[in-house]
N, C-alpha and C. Protein backbone atom coordinates (compact mmCIF):
# COMPACT_ATOMS: atom_id res chain seq x y z
N MET A 1 -5.17 17.99 32.45
CA MET A 1 -4.87 17.72 31.29
C MET A 1 -4.98 16.17 31.71
N LYS A 2 -5.44 15.21 30.47
CA LYS A 2 -5.74 13.73 31.07
C LYS A 2 -3.86 13.29 30.92
N ASN A 3 -3.84 12.53 31.36
CA ASN A 3 -2.22 11.86 31.32
C ASN A 3 -2.67 10.19 30.28
N PHE A 4 -1.90 10.45 29.29
CA PHE A 4 -2.08 8.78 28.60
C PHE A 4 -1.30 7.79 28.80
N THR A 5 -1.10 7.07 28.63
CA THR A 5 -0.19 6.31 28.84
C THR A 5 -0.68 4.84 27.36
N GLU A 6 0.32 3.92 27.51
CA GLU A 6 0.15 3.14 26.56
C GLU A 6 -1.02 2.19 26.54
N LYS A 7 -1.72 1.90 27.50
CA LYS A 7 -2.73 1.42 27.81
C LYS A 7 -4.23 2.51 28.10
N ASN A 8 -4.21 3.46 27.30
CA ASN A 8 -5.48 3.87 26.77
C ASN A 8 -4.83 4.93 25.50
N LEU A 9 -4.38 3.95 24.60
CA LEU A 9 -4.05 5.00 23.35
C LEU A 9 -5.05 3.57 22.05
N ARG A 10 -6.20 3.16 22.40
CA ARG A 10 -7.28 2.65 21.52
C ARG A 10 -6.26 1.40 21.39
N GLY A 11 -5.30 0.81 22.04
CA GLY A 11 -5.17 -0.22 21.62
C GLY A 11 -3.32 -0.17 20.41
N ARG A 12 -3.01 1.08 20.34
CA ARG A 12 -2.16 1.47 19.11
C ARG A 12 -0.32 1.20 20.70
N ASP A 13 0.19 0.59 19.95
CA ASP A 13 1.77 1.06 20.59
C ASP A 13 2.00 2.40 20.73
N PRO A 14 2.69 3.41 21.28
CA PRO A 14 2.79 4.81 21.47
C PRO A 14 4.28 4.60 20.11
N SER A 15 4.16 4.52 19.35
CA SER A 15 5.73 4.73 18.65
C SER A 15 6.33 6.21 17.76
N PRO A 16 7.75 6.29 18.28
CA PRO A 16 8.29 8.06 17.77
C PRO A 16 7.76 8.41 16.11
N LEU A 17 7.69 9.73 16.75
CA LEU A 17 7.76 10.03 15.27
C LEU A 17 8.20 9.73 14.17
N ALA A 18 7.70 10.15 12.54
CA ALA A 18 8.40 9.38 10.92
C ALA A 18 9.22 10.61 11.30
N GLY A 19 10.12 10.29 10.60
CA GLY A 19 11.12 11.52 9.90
C GLY A 19 12.51 11.11 10.39
N ILE A 20 13.47 12.15 10.54
CA ILE A 20 14.66 11.86 10.41
C ILE A 20 15.36 13.49 10.92
N SER A 21 16.20 13.08 12.09
CA SER A 21 17.15 14.02 12.42
C SER A 21 17.43 15.39 11.66
N LEU A 22 17.23 16.60 11.82
CA LEU A 22 17.83 17.54 11.07
C LEU A 22 19.11 17.88 12.07
N VAL A 23 19.48 17.21 13.16
CA VAL A 23 20.12 17.93 13.87
C VAL A 23 21.96 18.37 13.16
N PRO A 24 22.65 16.61 11.96
CA PRO A 24 23.39 17.17 11.12
C PRO A 24 23.38 18.81 10.76
N ILE A 25 22.19 18.97 10.07
CA ILE A 25 22.35 19.98 9.30
C ILE A 25 22.55 21.56 10.03
N LEU A 26 21.83 21.04 11.34
CA LEU A 26 22.01 22.32 11.35
C LEU A 26 23.93 22.04 12.56
N ALA A 27 24.40 21.06 12.48
CA ALA A 27 26.14 21.38 13.09
C ALA A 27 26.70 21.42 11.49
N GLY A 28 26.17 21.96 10.57
CA GLY A 28 27.07 22.11 9.49
C GLY A 28 27.35 20.74 8.70
N LYS A 29 26.84 19.77 8.77
CA LYS A 29 27.26 18.21 8.32
C LYS A 29 26.54 18.17 7.15
N PRO A 30 26.86 17.38 6.42
CA PRO A 30 25.63 16.73 5.11
C PRO A 30 24.49 15.72 6.30
N LEU A 31 23.43 15.47 5.53
CA LEU A 31 22.20 14.82 6.04
C LEU A 31 22.38 13.90 5.63
N GLY A 32 22.49 13.51 4.34
CA GLY A 32 23.12 11.81 4.45
C GLY A 32 21.98 11.68 3.37
N THR A 33 21.63 10.05 3.58
CA THR A 33 20.43 9.47 2.82
C THR A 33 19.29 9.93 3.82
N ARG A 34 18.09 10.11 2.88
CA ARG A 34 16.99 9.82 3.36
C ARG A 34 16.38 8.73 2.89
N PRO A 35 15.12 9.26 4.26
CA PRO A 35 14.79 7.33 3.88
C PRO A 35 13.45 7.89 2.65
N PRO A 36 12.87 6.34 2.16
CA PRO A 36 11.56 7.11 1.44
C PRO A 36 10.88 8.28 1.76
N ILE A 37 9.81 8.87 1.12
CA ILE A 37 9.25 9.60 1.44
C ILE A 37 7.54 9.24 1.11
N HIS A 38 6.14 8.78 1.27
CA HIS A 38 5.46 7.47 1.29
C HIS A 38 4.27 8.69 1.90
N PHE A 39 3.41 8.95 0.70
CA PHE A 39 1.41 9.48 0.69
C PHE A 39 0.34 8.82 0.67
N LEU A 40 -0.44 9.07 1.14
CA LEU A 40 -1.92 8.31 0.83
C LEU A 40 -2.75 9.48 1.09
N PHE A 41 -3.91 9.69 0.60
CA PHE A 41 -4.30 10.45 0.34
C PHE A 41 -5.92 9.70 -0.29
N ASN A 42 -6.95 9.98 0.29
CA ASN A 42 -8.25 9.04 -0.16
C ASN A 42 -7.18 7.38 -0.93
N GLN A 43 -8.19 7.73 -2.04
CA GLN A 43 -7.57 6.75 -3.51
C GLN A 43 -6.54 6.95 -3.94
N ASP A 44 -5.12 8.76 -3.82
CA ASP A 44 -4.08 8.16 -4.08
C ASP A 44 -2.81 8.34 -3.54
N ARG A 45 -2.23 7.38 -3.69
CA ARG A 45 -0.51 7.41 -3.30
C ARG A 45 0.26 7.59 -3.95
N ALA A 46 1.55 7.33 -2.96
CA ALA A 46 2.89 7.46 -3.50
C ALA A 46 3.93 7.34 -3.19
N LEU A 47 5.61 6.96 -3.50
CA LEU A 47 6.31 6.40 -3.03
C LEU A 47 7.32 7.17 -3.75
N ARG A 48 8.29 7.76 -2.65
CA ARG A 48 9.65 8.72 -3.63
C ARG A 48 10.85 7.96 -2.80
N HIS A 49 12.11 7.42 -3.91
CA HIS A 49 12.62 6.89 -3.01
C HIS A 49 13.78 7.24 -4.01
N GLY A 50 14.75 8.38 -3.55
CA GLY A 50 16.07 8.67 -4.69
C GLY A 50 15.09 9.23 -5.79
N ASP A 51 15.46 8.68 -7.27
CA ASP A 51 15.08 9.90 -7.89
C ASP A 51 13.55 8.80 -8.49
N TRP A 52 13.63 8.25 -7.87
CA TRP A 52 12.55 6.95 -8.21
C TRP A 52 11.09 7.13 -7.63
N LYS A 53 10.29 7.35 -8.74
CA LYS A 53 8.61 7.44 -7.67
C LYS A 53 7.17 6.84 -8.16
N LEU A 54 6.92 6.07 -7.48
CA LEU A 54 6.04 4.74 -7.83
C LEU A 54 4.19 5.94 -7.04
N VAL A 55 3.34 6.02 -8.31
CA VAL A 55 2.54 6.61 -7.97
C VAL A 55 1.11 5.65 -8.14
N SER A 56 0.04 5.93 -7.91
CA SER A 56 -1.40 5.33 -8.68
C SER A 56 -2.09 6.17 -7.97
N PHE A 57 -2.45 6.68 -8.77
CA PHE A 57 -4.59 7.77 -9.00
C PHE A 57 -5.56 6.88 -8.72
N ARG A 58 -6.12 7.92 -7.87
CA ARG A 58 -6.94 6.57 -7.51
C ARG A 58 -7.96 5.30 -7.94
N ALA A 59 -6.46 4.60 -7.05
CA ALA A 59 -6.67 3.30 -6.57
C ALA A 59 -6.26 2.64 -8.65
N GLY A 60 -5.83 3.47 -9.61
CA GLY A 60 -5.16 2.97 -10.20
C GLY A 60 -3.94 2.19 -10.48
N PRO A 61 -3.43 1.56 -11.64
CA PRO A 61 -2.20 0.53 -11.78
C PRO A 61 -1.15 1.65 -10.71
N TRP A 62 -0.10 0.97 -10.86
CA TRP A 62 1.21 1.70 -10.11
C TRP A 62 1.68 2.10 -11.29
N GLU A 63 1.60 3.51 -11.50
CA GLU A 63 3.15 4.32 -12.46
C GLU A 63 3.90 4.34 -11.91
N LEU A 64 5.24 4.01 -12.86
CA LEU A 64 6.68 4.23 -12.53
C LEU A 64 7.42 5.77 -13.22
N TYR A 65 8.00 6.50 -12.23
CA TYR A 65 8.76 7.42 -12.79
C TYR A 65 10.40 7.71 -12.52
N ASN A 66 10.82 7.77 -13.11
CA ASN A 66 12.40 7.95 -13.14
C ASN A 66 12.51 9.81 -13.19
N LEU A 67 12.40 10.72 -12.19
CA LEU A 67 12.47 11.75 -12.04
C LEU A 67 13.67 12.37 -12.45
N ALA A 68 14.85 11.58 -12.42
CA ALA A 68 16.26 12.68 -12.74
C ALA A 68 15.59 12.72 -14.00
N GLU A 69 14.80 11.91 -15.18
CA GLU A 69 15.24 11.62 -16.56
C GLU A 69 14.00 12.73 -17.01
N ASP A 70 12.76 12.55 -16.56
CA ASP A 70 11.56 12.70 -16.26
C ASP A 70 10.79 13.68 -15.67
N ARG A 71 11.30 14.79 -14.96
CA ARG A 71 10.60 15.40 -14.20
C ARG A 71 8.81 15.79 -14.44
N THR A 72 8.73 15.53 -15.37
CA THR A 72 7.06 15.69 -15.78
C THR A 72 5.68 14.84 -16.00
N GLU A 73 6.92 13.58 -15.53
CA GLU A 73 6.43 12.24 -15.19
C GLU A 73 5.56 12.19 -16.39
N LEU A 74 6.43 11.97 -17.62
CA LEU A 74 5.52 11.72 -19.25
C LEU A 74 5.86 10.01 -19.13
N ASN A 75 7.09 9.23 -19.02
CA ASN A 75 7.57 8.35 -19.42
C ASN A 75 7.17 7.69 -18.44
N ASP A 76 6.02 6.79 -18.15
CA ASP A 76 5.79 5.46 -17.17
C ASP A 76 6.20 4.23 -17.82
N LEU A 77 7.47 3.99 -16.70
CA LEU A 77 8.57 2.89 -16.86
C LEU A 77 7.88 1.74 -16.22
N ALA A 78 6.68 1.87 -15.99
CA ALA A 78 6.16 -0.03 -15.08
C ALA A 78 6.50 -0.81 -15.36
N THR A 79 5.40 -1.22 -17.19
CA THR A 79 5.65 -1.70 -17.84
C THR A 79 7.03 -2.80 -17.77
N GLN A 80 8.17 -1.64 -17.84
CA GLN A 80 9.61 -2.32 -18.43
C GLN A 80 10.47 -2.39 -16.77
N GLN A 81 9.83 -1.98 -15.82
CA GLN A 81 10.21 -2.28 -14.84
C GLN A 81 9.97 -2.79 -13.66
N PRO A 82 9.40 -3.86 -14.00
CA PRO A 82 8.55 -4.79 -12.62
C PRO A 82 8.62 -4.69 -11.69
N ASP A 83 9.90 -5.51 -11.68
CA ASP A 83 10.67 -6.21 -10.03
C ASP A 83 10.83 -4.62 -9.18
N ARG A 84 10.71 -3.37 -9.88
CA ARG A 84 11.16 -1.91 -8.90
C ARG A 84 9.64 -1.69 -8.32
N VAL A 85 8.57 -1.99 -9.40
CA VAL A 85 7.39 -1.67 -8.92
C VAL A 85 7.01 -2.44 -7.72
N ALA A 86 7.18 -3.67 -8.10
CA ALA A 86 6.88 -4.73 -6.71
C ALA A 86 7.91 -4.40 -5.66
N ARG A 87 8.91 -3.88 -5.67
CA ARG A 87 10.10 -3.80 -4.68
C ARG A 87 9.39 -2.34 -3.78
N MET A 88 8.98 -1.23 -4.62
CA MET A 88 8.55 -0.11 -3.89
C MET A 88 7.00 -0.22 -3.24
N SER A 89 6.27 -0.97 -4.30
CA SER A 89 4.74 -1.45 -3.65
C SER A 89 4.65 -1.59 -2.14
N ALA A 90 5.61 -3.22 -2.29
CA ALA A 90 5.85 -3.34 -0.75
C ALA A 90 6.37 -2.45 -0.12
N GLU A 91 6.90 -2.02 -0.26
CA GLU A 91 7.84 -1.01 0.38
C GLU A 91 6.45 0.33 1.10
N TRP A 92 6.01 1.02 -0.11
CA TRP A 92 4.61 1.78 0.68
C TRP A 92 3.76 0.96 1.10
N HIS A 93 3.80 -0.71 0.72
CA HIS A 93 2.33 -0.81 1.61
C HIS A 93 2.82 -1.00 3.22
N ARG A 94 4.54 -1.41 3.83
CA ARG A 94 4.75 -1.31 4.85
C ARG A 94 4.86 -0.11 5.68
N MET A 95 5.28 1.11 4.97
CA MET A 95 5.32 2.12 5.39
C MET A 95 3.80 2.76 6.06
N THR A 96 2.55 2.47 4.52
CA THR A 96 1.30 2.62 5.55
C THR A 96 0.72 2.14 6.18
N ARG A 97 1.42 0.45 6.55
CA ARG A 97 0.40 0.34 7.99
C ARG A 97 1.60 0.64 8.88
N ASP A 98 2.77 0.41 8.34
CA ASP A 98 3.39 0.72 10.14
C ASP A 98 3.71 2.14 10.39
N VAL A 99 3.92 3.12 9.65
CA VAL A 99 4.29 4.22 9.61
C VAL A 99 2.99 5.35 9.70
N LEU A 100 2.22 4.96 8.46
CA LEU A 100 1.02 6.27 8.56
C LEU A 100 0.08 5.30 9.85
N MET A 101 0.14 3.65 10.27
CA MET A 101 -1.15 2.97 11.00
C MET A 101 -2.51 3.13 10.12
N ALA A 102 -2.39 3.15 9.06
CA ALA A 102 -3.67 3.56 8.48
C ALA A 102 -4.42 2.21 8.18
N PRO A 103 -6.09 2.74 8.15
CA PRO A 103 -6.65 1.25 8.29
C PRO A 103 -6.43 0.58 7.18
N LYS A 104 -7.26 -0.43 7.24
CA LYS A 104 -6.88 -1.57 6.32
C LYS A 104 -7.85 -1.55 4.98
N ALA A 105 -8.58 -0.74 5.54
CA ALA A 105 -9.35 -0.39 3.68
C ALA A 105 -8.55 0.45 2.82
N GLU A 106 -7.52 1.38 3.96
CA GLU A 106 -6.65 2.21 2.58
C GLU A 106 -5.38 2.05 2.20
N GLN A 107 -4.91 0.57 2.60
CA GLN A 107 -4.17 -0.39 2.16
C GLN A 107 -4.38 -1.21 1.42
N GLN A 108 -5.05 -1.46 0.66
CA GLN A 108 -5.64 -2.56 -0.60
C GLN A 108 -5.02 -2.38 -1.25
N PRO A 109 -4.55 -3.41 -2.26
CA PRO A 109 -4.09 -2.52 -4.06
C PRO A 109 -4.77 -2.00 -4.73
N VAL A 110 -3.88 -1.45 -5.66
CA VAL A 110 -3.85 -1.02 -6.42
C VAL A 110 -5.42 -1.76 -7.61
N SER A 111 -5.71 -1.40 -8.49
CA SER A 111 -6.28 -1.98 -9.67
C SER A 111 -5.45 -2.48 -10.94
N GLY A 112 -5.72 -3.47 -11.05
CA GLY A 112 -5.02 -3.84 -12.72
C GLY A 112 -5.83 -2.74 -13.80
N THR A 113 -6.34 -2.27 -14.22
CA THR A 113 -7.00 -1.63 -14.89
C THR A 113 -6.82 -0.09 -14.90
N LYS A 114 -6.29 0.43 -16.20
CA LYS A 114 -6.00 2.23 -15.87
C LYS A 114 -7.18 2.88 -15.95
N ALA A 115 -7.93 3.66 -15.44
CA ALA A 115 -8.72 4.78 -15.51
C ALA A 115 -8.56 5.83 -16.54
N PRO A 116 -9.37 7.06 -16.87
CA PRO A 116 -8.84 7.93 -17.72
C PRO A 116 -8.09 9.14 -16.14
N LYS A 117 -7.48 9.69 -16.59
CA LYS A 117 -6.84 10.72 -15.58
C LYS A 117 -8.04 12.25 -15.89
N THR A 118 -9.05 12.23 -15.25
CA THR A 118 -9.94 13.15 -14.83
C THR A 118 -10.51 13.03 -13.91
N HIS A 119 -11.43 14.73 -13.23
CA HIS A 119 -11.63 14.87 -12.30
C HIS A 119 -13.06 14.91 -12.46
N PRO A 120 -13.95 14.42 -12.10
CA PRO A 120 -15.56 14.52 -12.38
C PRO A 120 -16.47 15.63 -12.05
N GLU A 121 -15.58 16.58 -11.07
CA GLU A 121 -16.14 17.51 -11.41
C GLU A 121 -16.11 19.10 -12.22
N TRP A 122 -14.52 18.62 -13.04
CA TRP A 122 -14.47 19.68 -14.06
C TRP A 122 -14.01 18.99 -15.15
N SER A 123 -13.91 17.86 -15.21
CA SER A 123 -12.88 17.14 -16.38
C SER A 123 -14.05 17.66 -17.28
N ASP A 124 -13.94 17.90 -18.71
CA ASP A 124 -15.08 17.40 -19.21
C ASP A 124 -14.19 17.87 -21.19
N TYR A 125 -14.54 16.65 -21.52
CA TYR A 125 -13.49 16.65 -22.92
C TYR A 125 -14.45 16.37 -24.46
N SER A 126 -15.86 16.73 -24.05
CA SER A 126 -16.79 16.26 -25.08
C SER A 126 -17.36 17.22 -26.11
N GLY A 127 -16.25 18.49 -26.27
CA GLY A 127 -16.42 19.13 -27.51
C GLY A 127 -16.11 19.09 -28.73
N LYS A 128 -16.23 19.62 -29.65
CA LYS A 128 -15.55 19.33 -30.65
C LYS A 128 -14.23 19.21 -31.56
N ARG A 129 -14.32 17.76 -32.05
CA ARG A 129 -12.67 17.49 -31.84
C ARG A 129 -11.84 17.29 -30.57
N GLY A 130 -12.97 17.00 -30.11
CA GLY A 130 -12.45 16.50 -28.68
C GLY A 130 -11.07 16.94 -27.68
N GLU A 131 -11.57 19.17 -27.67
CA GLU A 131 -10.93 19.91 -27.15
C GLU A 131 -11.04 19.70 -25.76
N ASN A 132 -10.31 20.39 -24.99
CA ASN A 132 -10.67 20.59 -23.00
C ASN A 132 -11.76 21.49 -23.62
N THR A 133 -12.89 21.32 -22.94
CA THR A 133 -14.00 22.28 -22.41
C THR A 133 -14.35 22.14 -20.96
N SER A 134 -13.52 21.82 -20.46
CA SER A 134 -12.87 22.29 -18.76
C SER A 134 -14.13 23.23 -18.42
N ARG A 135 -14.94 22.71 -17.36
CA ARG A 135 -15.69 23.47 -16.54
C ARG A 135 -14.73 24.64 -15.56
N ARG A 136 -13.43 24.11 -15.59
CA ARG A 136 -13.05 25.26 -14.44
C ARG A 136 -12.65 26.76 -15.47
N ASP A 137 -12.37 26.50 -17.05
CA ASP A 137 -12.18 27.50 -18.08
C ASP A 137 -13.71 28.48 -18.08
N ARG A 138 -14.58 27.95 -17.24
CA ARG A 138 -16.01 28.64 -17.77
C ARG A 138 -16.26 30.23 -16.88
């Protein structure tokens, strides 16, 4: 088995695993405050910090939801709370760079224009009167 050292990790310094210790729970104590949870998958990204969730679908503009008041994410508050969006977006970029160590191509800013929330392989709304003619239902 190969013995890895700091020098042969492709130029990266080894860092501890991201996360929090569960020792307090095992000791019967409360866990305390959790750090934000961040997400990156292809062009989809999100940050959950307490009751707030910042999300970008397919690299579209950031959307902001208060999950305590809007669990189904129907009321986008991004335009009403631009300072919170800026803070959470900066935190998402920091965590993506420092924790995920994602390549620069995956850390790009989000778009300024919204695209329809459809999936090119199965979303098709071209039926009569605009009803859903999703290919999944066929």
